[in-house]
Amino acid sequence: MANKSNSQTDPNPALVYQIRIKGHLGQQWTAWLADMEITWTDDETILIGPVIDQAALYGLLRKVRDLGLPLIAVTQLSSDTSEARE
């Protein structure tokens, strides 16, 4: 029988990242960018949200690349905990 991991005791919680992109993304990209919150400044789009692991981060960065907009910065903000979301 295969071992099943318990997601409630996951020692590696999702990390919250901020991704800054030059240019503006429309609100229609919300579904495509999953759980990321989208905000805008004068000439940038800022994405903030949880990323479960490095593979998910890489996938998100590939989506940004596919949009053809220059990536300005990727910053790890914190761990995604239930306290931070309440």
N, C-alpha and C. Protein backbone atom coordinates (compact mmCIF):
# COMPACT_ATOMS: atom_id res chain seq x y z
N MET A 1 0.83 -1.18 0.00
CA MET A 1 0.00 0.00 0.00
C MET A 1 0.88 1.24 0.00
N ALA A 2 0.53 2.22 -0.79
CA ALA A 2 1.33 3.44 -0.88
C ALA A 2 1.06 4.34 0.31
N ASN A 3 2.09 5.06 0.75
CA ASN A 3 1.93 6.03 1.83
C ASN A 3 1.23 7.26 1.30
N LYS A 4 0.30 7.79 2.09
CA LYS A 4 -0.38 9.02 1.72
C LYS A 4 0.11 10.13 2.62
N SER A 5 0.45 11.27 2.03
CA SER A 5 0.89 12.39 2.85
C SER A 5 -0.32 13.13 3.40
N ASN A 6 -0.17 13.67 4.58
CA ASN A 6 -1.24 14.42 5.22
C ASN A 6 -1.00 15.90 4.97
N SER A 7 -1.88 16.54 4.19
CA SER A 7 -1.69 17.95 3.85
C SER A 7 -1.83 18.86 5.06
N GLN A 8 -2.49 18.40 6.13
CA GLN A 8 -2.64 19.22 7.32
C GLN A 8 -1.33 19.35 8.08
N THR A 9 -0.42 18.43 7.90
CA THR A 9 0.86 18.48 8.60
C THR A 9 2.00 18.77 7.65
N ASP A 10 1.71 19.43 6.55
CA ASP A 10 2.72 19.76 5.55
C ASP A 10 3.77 20.69 6.16
N PRO A 11 5.03 20.26 6.23
CA PRO A 11 6.07 21.09 6.81
C PRO A 11 6.50 22.23 5.89
N ASN A 12 6.03 22.24 4.66
CA ASN A 12 6.40 23.27 3.69
C ASN A 12 5.17 24.03 3.22
N PRO A 13 4.69 25.00 4.03
CA PRO A 13 3.50 25.74 3.62
C PRO A 13 3.79 26.60 2.40
N ALA A 14 2.73 27.01 1.71
CA ALA A 14 2.89 27.89 0.56
C ALA A 14 3.52 29.20 1.00
N LEU A 15 4.34 29.76 0.13
CA LEU A 15 4.95 31.05 0.39
C LEU A 15 4.21 32.11 -0.41
N VAL A 16 4.15 33.31 0.13
CA VAL A 16 3.50 34.42 -0.56
C VAL A 16 4.56 35.19 -1.33
N TYR A 17 4.29 35.41 -2.62
CA TYR A 17 5.23 36.13 -3.49
C TYR A 17 4.58 37.38 -4.05
N GLN A 18 5.43 38.38 -4.30
CA GLN A 18 5.03 39.57 -5.05
C GLN A 18 5.79 39.53 -6.37
N ILE A 19 5.06 39.65 -7.47
CA ILE A 19 5.67 39.64 -8.80
C ILE A 19 5.30 40.95 -9.47
N ARG A 20 6.32 41.73 -9.83
CA ARG A 20 6.09 43.03 -10.47
C ARG A 20 6.39 42.92 -11.96
N ILE A 21 5.45 43.41 -12.78
CA ILE A 21 5.53 43.33 -14.24
C ILE A 21 5.38 44.73 -14.81
N LYS A 22 6.22 45.06 -15.80
CA LYS A 22 6.08 46.36 -16.47
C LYS A 22 4.89 46.30 -17.42
N GLY A 23 4.03 47.30 -17.33
CA GLY A 23 2.82 47.34 -18.15
C GLY A 23 1.60 46.94 -17.34
N HIS A 24 0.46 46.96 -17.97
CA HIS A 24 -0.79 46.67 -17.27
C HIS A 24 -1.46 45.41 -17.81
N LEU A 25 -1.87 44.55 -16.88
CA LEU A 25 -2.70 43.39 -17.21
C LEU A 25 -4.13 43.76 -16.89
N GLY A 26 -5.05 43.34 -17.71
CA GLY A 26 -6.46 43.59 -17.45
C GLY A 26 -7.01 42.62 -16.41
N GLN A 27 -8.18 42.95 -15.88
CA GLN A 27 -8.83 42.11 -14.87
C GLN A 27 -9.15 40.72 -15.41
N GLN A 28 -9.26 40.58 -16.73
CA GLN A 28 -9.58 39.28 -17.33
C GLN A 28 -8.51 38.23 -17.07
N TRP A 29 -7.32 38.64 -16.65
CA TRP A 29 -6.23 37.69 -16.39
C TRP A 29 -6.35 37.05 -15.01
N THR A 30 -7.28 37.49 -14.17
CA THR A 30 -7.41 36.96 -12.81
C THR A 30 -7.57 35.44 -12.80
N ALA A 31 -8.45 34.90 -13.61
CA ALA A 31 -8.66 33.45 -13.64
C ALA A 31 -7.41 32.73 -14.14
N TRP A 32 -6.74 33.29 -15.11
CA TRP A 32 -5.54 32.66 -15.69
C TRP A 32 -4.40 32.63 -14.68
N LEU A 33 -4.36 33.61 -13.79
CA LEU A 33 -3.29 33.70 -12.80
C LEU A 33 -3.71 33.13 -11.45
N ALA A 34 -4.71 32.30 -11.43
CA ALA A 34 -5.15 31.53 -10.26
C ALA A 34 -5.44 32.42 -9.06
N ASP A 35 -4.74 32.16 -7.94
CA ASP A 35 -5.03 32.83 -6.67
C ASP A 35 -4.29 34.14 -6.48
N MET A 36 -3.72 34.69 -7.52
CA MET A 36 -2.94 35.91 -7.39
C MET A 36 -3.87 37.13 -7.37
N GLU A 37 -3.59 38.04 -6.44
CA GLU A 37 -4.30 39.32 -6.39
C GLU A 37 -3.59 40.26 -7.36
N ILE A 38 -4.34 40.98 -8.18
CA ILE A 38 -3.74 41.87 -9.17
C ILE A 38 -4.02 43.32 -8.77
N THR A 39 -2.94 44.13 -8.68
CA THR A 39 -3.08 45.56 -8.45
C THR A 39 -2.22 46.29 -9.48
N TRP A 40 -2.48 47.59 -9.63
CA TRP A 40 -1.78 48.37 -10.65
C TRP A 40 -1.20 49.64 -10.05
N THR A 41 -0.04 50.05 -10.59
CA THR A 41 0.53 51.37 -10.32
C THR A 41 0.52 52.10 -11.65
N ASP A 42 1.21 53.22 -11.74
CA ASP A 42 1.21 54.01 -12.97
C ASP A 42 1.59 53.19 -14.20
N ASP A 43 2.67 52.42 -14.09
CA ASP A 43 3.13 51.68 -15.27
C ASP A 43 3.50 50.23 -14.97
N GLU A 44 2.97 49.69 -13.87
CA GLU A 44 3.28 48.32 -13.47
C GLU A 44 2.02 47.58 -13.06
N THR A 45 2.11 46.25 -13.16
CA THR A 45 1.11 45.36 -12.58
C THR A 45 1.80 44.61 -11.46
N ILE A 46 1.15 44.49 -10.32
CA ILE A 46 1.72 43.79 -9.17
C ILE A 46 0.81 42.61 -8.85
N LEU A 47 1.41 41.42 -8.84
CA LEU A 47 0.70 40.19 -8.49
C LEU A 47 1.17 39.77 -7.11
N ILE A 48 0.25 39.45 -6.22
CA ILE A 48 0.60 38.97 -4.88
C ILE A 48 -0.27 37.76 -4.57
N GLY A 49 0.37 36.68 -4.10
CA GLY A 49 -0.41 35.51 -3.73
C GLY A 49 0.46 34.34 -3.34
N PRO A 50 -0.19 33.26 -2.87
CA PRO A 50 0.54 32.08 -2.42
C PRO A 50 1.03 31.24 -3.60
N VAL A 51 2.21 30.67 -3.42
CA VAL A 51 2.80 29.76 -4.41
C VAL A 51 3.24 28.53 -3.64
N ILE A 52 2.72 27.35 -4.00
CA ILE A 52 2.93 26.16 -3.17
C ILE A 52 4.33 25.60 -3.20
N ASP A 53 5.04 25.76 -4.31
CA ASP A 53 6.41 25.24 -4.38
C ASP A 53 7.15 25.88 -5.55
N GLN A 54 8.41 25.50 -5.71
CA GLN A 54 9.24 26.08 -6.76
C GLN A 54 8.71 25.76 -8.16
N ALA A 55 8.14 24.59 -8.34
CA ALA A 55 7.58 24.23 -9.65
C ALA A 55 6.40 25.15 -9.98
N ALA A 56 5.57 25.45 -8.99
CA ALA A 56 4.44 26.35 -9.22
C ALA A 56 4.92 27.77 -9.51
N LEU A 57 5.98 28.19 -8.84
CA LEU A 57 6.56 29.51 -9.11
C LEU A 57 7.09 29.58 -10.53
N TYR A 58 7.78 28.56 -10.94
CA TYR A 58 8.30 28.50 -12.31
C TYR A 58 7.15 28.56 -13.32
N GLY A 59 6.08 27.82 -13.06
CA GLY A 59 4.92 27.84 -13.95
C GLY A 59 4.28 29.22 -14.04
N LEU A 60 4.19 29.90 -12.91
CA LEU A 60 3.64 31.24 -12.88
C LEU A 60 4.52 32.21 -13.67
N LEU A 61 5.83 32.09 -13.51
CA LEU A 61 6.75 32.95 -14.25
C LEU A 61 6.69 32.66 -15.75
N ARG A 62 6.45 31.41 -16.12
CA ARG A 62 6.27 31.08 -17.54
C ARG A 62 5.02 31.77 -18.09
N LYS A 63 3.95 31.83 -17.31
CA LYS A 63 2.74 32.53 -17.75
C LYS A 63 3.03 34.01 -17.98
N VAL A 64 3.77 34.61 -17.05
CA VAL A 64 4.14 36.02 -17.19
C VAL A 64 4.96 36.22 -18.46
N ARG A 65 5.91 35.33 -18.69
CA ARG A 65 6.73 35.41 -19.91
C ARG A 65 5.86 35.31 -21.15
N ASP A 66 4.88 34.42 -21.13
CA ASP A 66 4.00 34.22 -22.28
C ASP A 66 3.16 35.46 -22.60
N LEU A 67 2.95 36.32 -21.60
CA LEU A 67 2.21 37.55 -21.83
C LEU A 67 3.03 38.57 -22.62
N GLY A 68 4.36 38.38 -22.63
CA GLY A 68 5.24 39.28 -23.37
C GLY A 68 5.54 40.58 -22.66
N LEU A 69 5.22 40.66 -21.36
CA LEU A 69 5.52 41.86 -20.60
C LEU A 69 6.79 41.65 -19.78
N PRO A 70 7.66 42.68 -19.68
CA PRO A 70 8.91 42.53 -18.94
C PRO A 70 8.69 42.29 -17.44
N LEU A 71 9.42 41.32 -16.91
CA LEU A 71 9.40 41.02 -15.48
C LEU A 71 10.33 42.00 -14.78
N ILE A 72 9.84 42.69 -13.76
CA ILE A 72 10.66 43.65 -13.01
C ILE A 72 11.28 43.00 -11.79
N ALA A 73 10.46 42.29 -10.99
CA ALA A 73 10.98 41.71 -9.75
C ALA A 73 10.09 40.58 -9.26
N VAL A 74 10.71 39.64 -8.55
CA VAL A 74 10.01 38.58 -7.84
C VAL A 74 10.51 38.62 -6.41
N THR A 75 9.60 38.81 -5.45
CA THR A 75 9.98 38.94 -4.05
C THR A 75 9.16 37.99 -3.20
N GLN A 76 9.84 37.19 -2.37
CA GLN A 76 9.14 36.35 -1.40
C GLN A 76 8.74 37.23 -0.23
N LEU A 77 7.45 37.29 0.08
CA LEU A 77 6.97 38.15 1.15
C LEU A 77 6.89 37.43 2.48
N SER A 78 6.26 36.24 2.52
CA SER A 78 6.10 35.51 3.77
C SER A 78 5.53 34.14 3.51
N SER A 79 5.38 33.38 4.60
CA SER A 79 4.68 32.10 4.52
C SER A 79 3.19 32.37 4.50
N ASP A 80 2.44 31.52 3.83
CA ASP A 80 0.98 31.63 3.77
C ASP A 80 0.41 30.85 4.94
N THR A 81 -0.02 31.54 5.98
CA THR A 81 -0.60 30.87 7.14
C THR A 81 -2.05 31.29 7.28
N SER A 82 -2.81 30.51 7.99
CA SER A 82 -4.22 30.85 8.19
C SER A 82 -4.36 32.16 8.95
N GLU A 83 -3.43 32.48 9.84
CA GLU A 83 -3.48 33.73 10.59
C GLU A 83 -3.32 34.92 9.67
N ALA A 84 -2.47 34.80 8.65
CA ALA A 84 -2.22 35.91 7.73
C ALA A 84 -3.44 36.20 6.86
N ARG A 85 -4.28 35.20 6.61
CA ARG A 85 -5.44 35.38 5.74
C ARG A 85 -6.66 35.87 6.49
N GLU A 86 -6.69 35.76 7.81
CA GLU A 86 -7.88 36.15 8.58
C GLU A 86 -7.88 37.61 8.89
